[in-house]
Amino acid sequence: MNFELDESQELLRSTVRKFAEKELSLEVTRNGDKFGVYPIELDKKLAALDLYALPFPEEFGGINLGLIELGIVGEELGRCSLDIAISYGLNIVYGLDILRFGNPEQKVEYIPKLIQGEVSFSPFMPEPFAEPNLEDSFPETIFNGETYILGQGHFYSLRNMGNSNIIHLITQNNGGGKGINLFLLPSNAPGIEMKRLGSLGLKILGINEFQVKGVKIPAENLLGEQSKGWEVVKHSMELMRLFTCFAYVGNAQRIVDMATNYAKEREQFGQPIGNFQSVAHTLAKMQVKVEAARLVTYRAAWLKQNGCPCAKEISIARIVSSETLVENAHDGMHIMGGYGYSREYDIERFARGARITTFMNGPTYIHRNIIGEMIGSQL
């Protein structure tokens, strides 16, 4: 079993780290959080480094690399900004949806544009009060032979929307029939109204509410087969769960680094507070958790990349990495004391962003259920 990255992977890590430290400095991300602005130009810069090309075939302008390389990018972006790492992951995962389920026209239309940083993708999230039957939570569409007519409703989505943003829109199948459909819909399509919502964290990424009524969706915008949208959703959900684990690991490691640096500089009773056993043990505990989260995450990615069953391992990685991030943010604030609670330091921003991770991409108890079922705890 080899735990080392090869030379090209180490070069990728070094390149992305230098890029992130320059383009996503603490000053840049601090201002982005304060004003709630997503840097649209960043997608072009990520594309210039071929980071959007990593998992796609050469025929579309890609490099055809694997999940480990994507994970390296996710971890390094996550060190500097959880928002930007999640945004990158959304674009990659939904691009891979199109690669797997899209028709030839959709692949030619969207994948080269994604690789060049000219298009972005956003998830669909139904309104919060879901129906007992999950499919009833999605808005209805009626197919008239040429277009799908989207009924009235509202939903939520991540990212600040630009003119080139595409929503992965989930709907009930043709007037409430069995199954769901998934469409590629421009976020500025006629009949859509958007409002930016306030949030505790992820202020750079942004959470938006959409009101929809009478939106006409061309039949060619259907992604995958009619009424078989769950196949697409499950594919993207598993990949996004895995990718965000890398981002959580990077974010949690940055918290350890910030708290450690503070403990070296802050003096009390004539010596750095890092010399006190209680502080040193807390930092050690934080680092142990990060190392464990990193190992289970890379193992899950290796299994996925090699075609092995890994739903259980992805859920394990999701629980360990998200809880590590939340707990490290809490412990890091404790080490920094009152400064940790002040916006003069960045740990409070990391803590606010961490809070969503235990229920993003499925709450933790859902993942515990998945693990329980797969180890045979339920009869």
Protein backbone atom coordinates (compact mmCIF):
# COMPACT_ATOMS: atom_id res chain seq x y z
CA MET A 1 0.00 0.00 0.00
CA ASN A 2 1.57 3.27 -1.16
CA PHE A 3 0.58 6.46 0.65
CA GLU A 4 2.86 8.72 -1.39
CA LEU A 5 1.72 11.05 -4.14
CA ASP A 6 3.68 10.70 -7.36
CA GLU A 7 5.77 13.50 -8.82
CA SER A 8 2.99 14.93 -11.00
CA GLN A 9 0.53 14.89 -8.10
CA GLU A 10 2.99 16.69 -5.83
CA LEU A 11 3.51 19.28 -8.56
CA LEU A 12 -0.25 19.72 -8.82
CA ARG A 13 -0.52 20.22 -5.05
CA SER A 14 2.29 22.77 -5.05
CA THR A 15 0.81 24.65 -8.02
CA VAL A 16 -2.68 24.86 -6.56
CA ARG A 17 -1.37 25.88 -3.13
CA LYS A 18 0.63 28.77 -4.61
CA PHE A 19 -2.36 29.82 -6.70
CA ALA A 20 -4.77 29.67 -3.76
CA GLU A 21 -2.49 31.58 -1.41
CA LYS A 22 -2.24 34.36 -4.01
CA GLU A 23 -5.78 34.52 -5.36
CA LEU A 24 -7.57 33.48 -2.15
CA SER A 25 -5.51 35.28 0.44
CA LEU A 26 -7.02 35.99 3.85
CA GLU A 27 -7.63 39.59 2.78
CA VAL A 28 -9.45 38.54 -0.39
CA THR A 29 -11.63 35.95 1.33
CA ARG A 30 -12.27 38.25 4.28
CA ASN A 31 -13.64 40.93 1.95
CA GLY A 32 -15.62 38.35 -0.02
CA ASP A 33 -17.25 37.18 3.20
CA LYS A 34 -17.95 40.75 4.34
CA PHE A 35 -19.60 41.88 1.12
CA GLY A 36 -21.00 38.55 -0.05
CA VAL A 37 -19.32 38.68 -3.45
CA TYR A 38 -18.30 35.69 -5.52
CA PRO A 39 -15.28 36.46 -7.74
CA ILE A 40 -16.64 35.47 -11.15
CA GLU A 41 -13.24 36.09 -12.76
CA LEU A 42 -11.76 33.31 -10.62
CA ASP A 43 -13.30 30.62 -12.85
CA LYS A 44 -11.21 31.90 -15.75
CA LYS A 45 -8.08 31.78 -13.60
CA LEU A 46 -8.83 28.22 -12.51
CA ALA A 47 -9.34 27.31 -16.15
CA ALA A 48 -6.01 28.91 -17.13
CA LEU A 49 -4.30 26.38 -14.84
CA ASP A 50 -6.25 23.56 -16.54
CA LEU A 51 -7.92 22.74 -13.23
CA TYR A 52 -11.33 22.42 -14.87
CA ALA A 53 -9.81 20.14 -17.51
CA LEU A 54 -8.57 17.52 -15.04
CA PRO A 55 -11.27 14.79 -15.21
CA PHE A 56 -12.49 15.24 -18.79
CA PRO A 57 -11.40 13.35 -21.94
CA GLU A 58 -8.93 14.85 -24.36
CA GLU A 59 -11.55 15.02 -27.10
CA PHE A 60 -13.21 17.87 -25.19
CA GLY A 61 -9.93 19.57 -24.28
CA GLY A 62 -9.47 17.73 -21.00
CA ILE A 63 -6.52 15.96 -19.36
CA ASN A 64 -8.27 12.74 -18.30
CA LEU A 65 -6.99 12.49 -14.72
CA GLY A 66 -8.73 10.89 -11.76
CA LEU A 67 -10.44 11.52 -8.46
CA ILE A 68 -7.20 11.66 -6.49
CA GLU A 69 -6.10 14.67 -8.52
CA LEU A 70 -9.47 16.32 -8.04
CA GLY A 71 -9.16 15.65 -4.32
CA ILE A 72 -5.76 17.34 -4.21
CA VAL A 73 -7.29 20.45 -5.80
CA GLY A 74 -10.24 20.32 -3.40
CA GLU A 75 -8.01 20.06 -0.35
CA GLU A 76 -5.75 22.93 -1.41
CA LEU A 77 -8.62 25.24 -2.38
CA GLY A 78 -10.34 24.27 0.87
CA ARG A 79 -7.30 25.40 2.88
CA CYS A 80 -7.99 28.97 1.78
CA SER A 81 -11.73 29.06 1.11
CA LEU A 82 -14.43 26.48 1.70
CA ASP A 83 -16.75 28.53 -0.54
CA ILE A 84 -14.44 28.44 -3.54
CA ALA A 85 -13.64 24.75 -3.09
CA ILE A 86 -17.35 23.89 -3.05
CA SER A 87 -17.96 26.09 -6.09
CA TYR A 88 -15.18 24.34 -8.00
CA GLY A 89 -16.57 20.96 -6.96
CA LEU A 90 -20.07 21.83 -8.15
CA ASN A 91 -18.78 22.76 -11.58
CA ILE A 92 -16.68 19.61 -11.88
CA VAL A 93 -19.35 17.21 -10.61
CA TYR A 94 -22.14 18.60 -12.78
CA GLY A 95 -19.78 18.59 -15.74
CA LEU A 96 -19.16 14.90 -15.08
CA ASP A 97 -22.94 14.40 -14.99
CA ILE A 98 -23.12 15.79 -18.50
CA LEU A 99 -20.19 13.62 -19.59
CA ARG A 100 -21.94 10.48 -18.35
CA PHE A 101 -25.62 11.20 -19.00
CA GLY A 102 -25.70 14.03 -21.51
CA ASN A 103 -26.48 13.69 -25.20
CA PRO A 104 -23.74 14.46 -27.75
CA GLU A 105 -25.01 18.00 -28.26
CA GLN A 106 -24.98 18.76 -24.53
CA LYS A 107 -21.44 17.43 -24.16
CA VAL A 108 -20.17 19.57 -27.03
CA GLU A 109 -22.10 22.60 -25.76
CA TYR A 110 -21.10 22.57 -22.09
CA ILE A 111 -17.92 20.59 -21.40
CA PRO A 112 -15.51 22.71 -23.50
CA LYS A 113 -17.06 25.88 -22.03
CA LEU A 114 -16.61 24.53 -18.51
CA ILE A 115 -12.98 23.67 -19.20
CA GLN A 116 -12.43 27.25 -20.40
CA GLY A 117 -14.21 28.73 -17.36
CA GLU A 118 -17.02 30.13 -19.50
CA VAL A 119 -19.94 28.39 -17.80
CA SER A 120 -20.79 27.45 -14.22
CA PHE A 121 -23.30 25.08 -12.64
CA SER A 122 -25.52 25.34 -9.58
CA PRO A 123 -27.51 22.74 -7.65
CA PHE A 124 -31.26 22.64 -7.20
CA MET A 125 -32.64 22.40 -3.66
CA PRO A 126 -36.42 22.08 -3.14
CA GLU A 127 -38.29 24.25 -0.68
CA PRO A 128 -37.60 23.32 2.96
CA PHE A 129 -40.93 21.70 3.83
CA ALA A 130 -40.62 18.49 1.84
CA GLU A 131 -43.62 16.27 1.18
CA PRO A 132 -43.79 12.72 2.60
CA ASN A 133 -43.02 11.50 -0.92
CA LEU A 134 -39.78 13.27 -1.83
CA GLU A 135 -40.73 13.51 -5.50
CA ASP A 136 -43.74 15.65 -4.53
CA SER A 137 -41.32 18.30 -3.21
CA PHE A 138 -40.16 19.08 -6.74
CA PRO A 139 -42.06 21.44 -9.07
CA GLU A 140 -44.21 19.86 -11.76
CA THR A 141 -43.57 19.98 -15.48
CA ILE A 142 -45.99 19.26 -18.31
CA PHE A 143 -44.63 18.15 -21.68
CA ASN A 144 -46.59 19.45 -24.68
CA GLY A 145 -44.63 17.57 -27.32
CA GLU A 146 -41.99 20.25 -27.85
CA THR A 147 -41.27 21.90 -24.52
CA TYR A 148 -41.69 21.26 -20.82
CA ILE A 149 -43.77 23.83 -18.96
CA LEU A 150 -42.55 24.33 -15.40
CA GLY A 151 -45.29 24.94 -12.84
CA GLN A 152 -45.23 27.50 -10.05
CA GLY A 153 -42.93 27.00 -7.09
CA HIS A 154 -39.74 28.06 -5.44
CA PHE A 155 -36.40 26.50 -4.69
CA TYR A 156 -32.91 27.35 -3.50
CA SER A 157 -29.50 27.24 -5.11
CA LEU A 158 -25.88 28.02 -4.32
CA ARG A 159 -23.53 30.50 -6.06
CA ASN A 160 -23.95 34.08 -7.09
CA MET A 161 -25.54 33.80 -10.48
CA GLY A 162 -23.87 35.18 -13.60
CA ASN A 163 -25.23 35.24 -17.13
CA SER A 164 -23.44 31.97 -17.91
CA ASN A 165 -24.78 29.99 -14.96
CA ILE A 166 -26.74 26.78 -15.51
CA ILE A 167 -29.04 25.28 -12.87
CA HIS A 168 -29.43 21.52 -12.48
CA LEU A 169 -33.21 21.68 -12.13
CA ILE A 170 -35.09 18.66 -10.76
CA THR A 171 -38.82 18.34 -11.48
CA GLN A 172 -41.64 15.84 -11.13
CA ASN A 173 -42.17 13.75 -14.21
CA ASN A 174 -44.79 15.10 -16.63
CA GLY A 175 -47.62 16.17 -14.37
CA GLY A 176 -46.66 14.14 -11.34
CA GLY A 177 -45.95 10.78 -12.99
CA LYS A 178 -43.55 8.32 -11.41
CA GLY A 179 -39.89 9.37 -11.44
CA ILE A 180 -38.17 12.72 -11.82
CA ASN A 181 -36.56 14.67 -14.64
CA LEU A 182 -33.39 16.72 -14.54
CA PHE A 183 -32.89 19.73 -16.80
CA LEU A 184 -30.07 22.10 -17.66
CA LEU A 185 -31.71 25.50 -17.27
CA PRO A 186 -30.07 28.95 -17.57
CA SER A 187 -30.54 30.79 -14.28
CA ASN A 188 -31.70 33.91 -16.16
CA ALA A 189 -34.39 32.11 -18.18
CA PRO A 190 -37.70 34.00 -18.56
CA GLY A 191 -40.06 33.20 -15.69
CA ILE A 192 -37.33 32.94 -13.02
CA GLU A 193 -36.88 35.53 -10.28
CA MET A 194 -33.93 35.34 -7.91
CA LYS A 195 -33.31 36.83 -4.47
CA ARG A 196 -30.07 36.60 -2.50
CA LEU A 197 -30.57 35.32 1.07
CA GLY A 198 -28.54 36.12 4.16
CA SER A 199 -26.62 33.25 5.75
CA LEU A 200 -24.39 32.44 8.70
CA GLY A 201 -21.55 31.25 6.50
CA LEU A 202 -20.68 30.51 2.87
CA LYS A 203 -21.27 34.18 2.14
CA ILE A 204 -18.92 34.16 -0.85
CA LEU A 205 -20.67 31.22 -2.45
CA GLY A 206 -24.08 32.65 -1.65
CA ILE A 207 -27.51 31.08 -1.14
CA ASN A 208 -30.27 32.23 -3.48
CA GLU A 209 -34.04 31.78 -3.53
CA PHE A 210 -35.76 31.30 -6.88
CA GLN A 211 -39.42 31.90 -7.70
CA VAL A 212 -40.50 30.11 -10.88
CA LYS A 213 -43.73 30.27 -12.86
CA GLY A 214 -44.52 29.14 -16.39
CA VAL A 215 -40.89 28.59 -17.40
CA LYS A 216 -40.59 26.94 -20.81
CA ILE A 217 -37.81 24.35 -21.03
CA PRO A 218 -36.85 22.98 -24.47
CA ALA A 219 -36.94 19.18 -24.69
CA GLU A 220 -33.26 19.10 -25.61
CA ASN A 221 -32.43 20.49 -22.14
CA LEU A 222 -33.41 17.19 -20.51
CA LEU A 223 -30.32 15.56 -18.97
CA GLY A 224 -30.50 11.78 -19.09
CA GLU A 225 -33.62 9.81 -19.90
CA GLN A 226 -37.22 10.81 -19.29
CA SER A 227 -38.33 9.97 -15.70
CA LYS A 228 -34.87 8.55 -14.83
CA GLY A 229 -33.42 11.63 -13.19
CA TRP A 230 -32.61 9.76 -9.98
CA GLU A 231 -29.73 8.07 -11.79
CA VAL A 232 -28.18 11.47 -12.46
CA VAL A 233 -28.91 12.75 -8.96
CA LYS A 234 -27.34 9.72 -7.27
CA HIS A 235 -24.25 10.01 -9.45
CA SER A 236 -23.69 13.67 -8.67
CA MET A 237 -24.60 13.28 -4.99
CA GLU A 238 -21.99 10.58 -4.39
CA LEU A 239 -19.28 12.52 -6.21
CA MET A 240 -20.10 15.78 -4.44
CA ARG A 241 -20.14 14.10 -1.04
CA LEU A 242 -16.69 12.73 -1.75
CA PHE A 243 -15.26 15.95 -3.15
CA THR A 244 -16.45 18.09 -0.24
CA CYS A 245 -14.62 15.76 2.17
CA PHE A 246 -11.34 16.91 0.62
CA ALA A 247 -12.38 20.54 1.04
CA TYR A 248 -13.29 19.91 4.69
CA VAL A 249 -9.89 18.30 5.33
CA GLY A 250 -8.08 21.28 3.83
CA ASN A 251 -10.17 23.74 5.82
CA ALA A 252 -9.63 21.79 9.06
CA GLN A 253 -5.86 21.68 8.46
CA ARG A 254 -5.76 25.45 7.95
CA ILE A 255 -7.50 25.90 11.31
CA VAL A 256 -4.83 23.76 12.99
CA ASP A 257 -2.13 25.84 11.32
CA MET A 258 -3.71 29.14 12.40
CA ALA A 259 -4.20 27.98 15.99
CA THR A 260 -0.66 26.59 16.16
CA ASN A 261 0.86 29.82 14.88
CA TYR A 262 -1.16 31.79 17.41
CA ALA A 263 -0.06 29.48 20.24
CA LYS A 264 3.57 30.10 19.30
CA GLU A 265 3.17 33.88 19.29
CA ARG A 266 0.77 34.49 22.20
CA GLU A 267 2.64 34.71 25.48
CA GLN A 268 1.26 34.28 28.99
CA PHE A 269 3.18 33.95 32.26
CA GLY A 270 6.39 34.67 30.39
CA GLN A 271 6.17 31.98 27.74
CA PRO A 272 4.19 31.04 24.59
CA ILE A 273 0.87 29.42 25.45
CA GLY A 274 1.83 26.49 23.21
CA ASN A 275 4.22 25.42 25.95
CA PHE A 276 1.30 24.67 28.25
CA GLN A 277 0.26 21.04 28.13
CA SER A 278 -3.46 21.70 27.83
CA VAL A 279 -2.93 23.83 24.71
CA ALA A 280 -0.39 21.45 23.20
CA HIS A 281 -2.71 18.49 23.77
CA THR A 282 -5.62 20.33 22.14
CA LEU A 283 -3.52 21.11 19.08
CA ALA A 284 -2.33 17.50 18.96
CA LYS A 285 -5.93 16.27 19.13
CA MET A 286 -6.88 18.59 16.29
CA GLN A 287 -4.03 17.33 14.09
CA VAL A 288 -4.85 13.69 14.83
CA LYS A 289 -8.41 14.26 13.65
CA VAL A 290 -7.23 15.89 10.43
CA GLU A 291 -4.85 13.02 9.65
CA ALA A 292 -7.62 10.48 10.23
CA ALA A 293 -10.05 12.45 8.06
CA ARG A 294 -7.47 12.76 5.29
CA LEU A 295 -6.77 9.01 5.29
CA VAL A 296 -10.40 7.89 5.11
CA THR A 297 -11.12 10.48 2.43
CA TYR A 298 -8.26 9.46 0.16
CA ARG A 299 -9.14 5.81 0.70
CA ALA A 300 -12.74 6.43 -0.38
CA ALA A 301 -11.50 8.29 -3.46
CA TRP A 302 -9.10 5.44 -4.32
CA LEU A 303 -11.93 2.91 -4.09
CA LYS A 304 -14.22 5.07 -6.24
CA GLN A 305 -11.49 5.68 -8.81
CA ASN A 306 -10.81 1.94 -9.08
CA GLY A 307 -14.46 1.02 -9.52
CA CYS A 308 -14.89 -0.59 -6.10
CA PRO A 309 -18.11 -0.33 -4.03
CA CYS A 310 -17.57 2.61 -1.69
CA ALA A 311 -20.89 4.08 -0.51
CA LYS A 312 -20.05 3.11 3.08
CA GLU A 313 -16.53 4.53 2.84
CA ILE A 314 -17.78 7.82 1.40
CA SER A 315 -20.27 8.16 4.26
CA ILE A 316 -17.49 7.41 6.75
CA ALA A 317 -15.31 10.07 5.15
CA ARG A 318 -18.20 12.53 5.13
CA ILE A 319 -18.85 12.05 8.88
CA VAL A 320 -15.21 12.12 9.94
CA SER A 321 -14.19 15.10 7.79
CA SER A 322 -17.20 17.31 8.57
CA GLU A 323 -17.15 16.62 12.31
CA THR A 324 -13.39 17.18 12.37
CA LEU A 325 -13.87 20.57 10.74
CA VAL A 326 -16.61 21.64 13.15
CA GLU A 327 -14.72 20.42 16.24
CA ASN A 328 -11.41 21.93 15.11
CA ALA A 329 -13.08 25.29 14.51
CA HIS A 330 -14.50 25.14 18.05
CA ASP A 331 -11.16 24.15 19.60
CA GLY A 332 -9.26 26.68 17.53
CA MET A 333 -11.49 29.48 18.80
CA HIS A 334 -10.89 28.31 22.37
CA ILE A 335 -7.11 28.45 21.92
CA MET A 336 -7.34 31.97 20.53
CA GLY A 337 -9.71 33.07 23.30
CA GLY A 338 -11.44 36.40 22.76
CA TYR A 339 -9.45 37.02 19.59
CA GLY A 340 -10.99 33.86 18.13
CA TYR A 341 -14.43 35.41 18.53
CA SER A 342 -13.36 38.68 16.93
CA ARG A 343 -13.61 39.44 13.25
CA GLU A 344 -10.10 40.84 13.44
CA TYR A 345 -9.01 37.20 13.17
CA ASP A 346 -10.18 34.69 10.57
CA ILE A 347 -10.98 31.72 12.79
CA GLU A 348 -14.55 32.95 13.39
CA ARG A 349 -15.18 32.97 9.63
CA PHE A 350 -13.91 29.40 9.36
CA ALA A 351 -16.19 28.44 12.25
CA ARG A 352 -19.24 30.00 10.61
CA GLY A 353 -18.50 28.21 7.36
CA ALA A 354 -17.92 24.89 9.12
CA ARG A 355 -21.37 24.79 10.68
CA ILE A 356 -23.15 23.80 7.46
CA THR A 357 -20.89 20.85 6.73
CA THR A 358 -22.64 18.38 9.02
CA PHE A 359 -25.89 18.69 7.08
CA MET A 360 -24.70 19.60 3.58
CA ASN A 361 -24.97 16.71 1.09
CA GLY A 362 -27.16 14.80 3.52
CA PRO A 363 -27.18 15.28 7.30
CA THR A 364 -24.86 13.17 9.42
CA TYR A 365 -27.61 10.89 10.72
CA ILE A 366 -28.42 9.88 7.12
CA HIS A 367 -24.82 8.80 6.65
CA ARG A 368 -24.93 6.88 9.92
CA ASN A 369 -28.00 5.10 8.56
CA ILE A 370 -26.14 4.25 5.35
CA ILE A 371 -23.22 2.83 7.30
CA GLY A 372 -25.53 0.92 9.65
CA GLU A 373 -27.38 -0.68 6.75
CA MET A 374 -24.19 -1.66 4.97
CA ILE A 375 -22.59 -3.29 8.01
CA GLY A 376 -25.79 -5.23 8.63
CA SER A 377 -26.97 -3.61 11.84
CA GLN A 378 -30.58 -3.41 10.64
CA LEU A 379 -32.69 -6.53 10.17
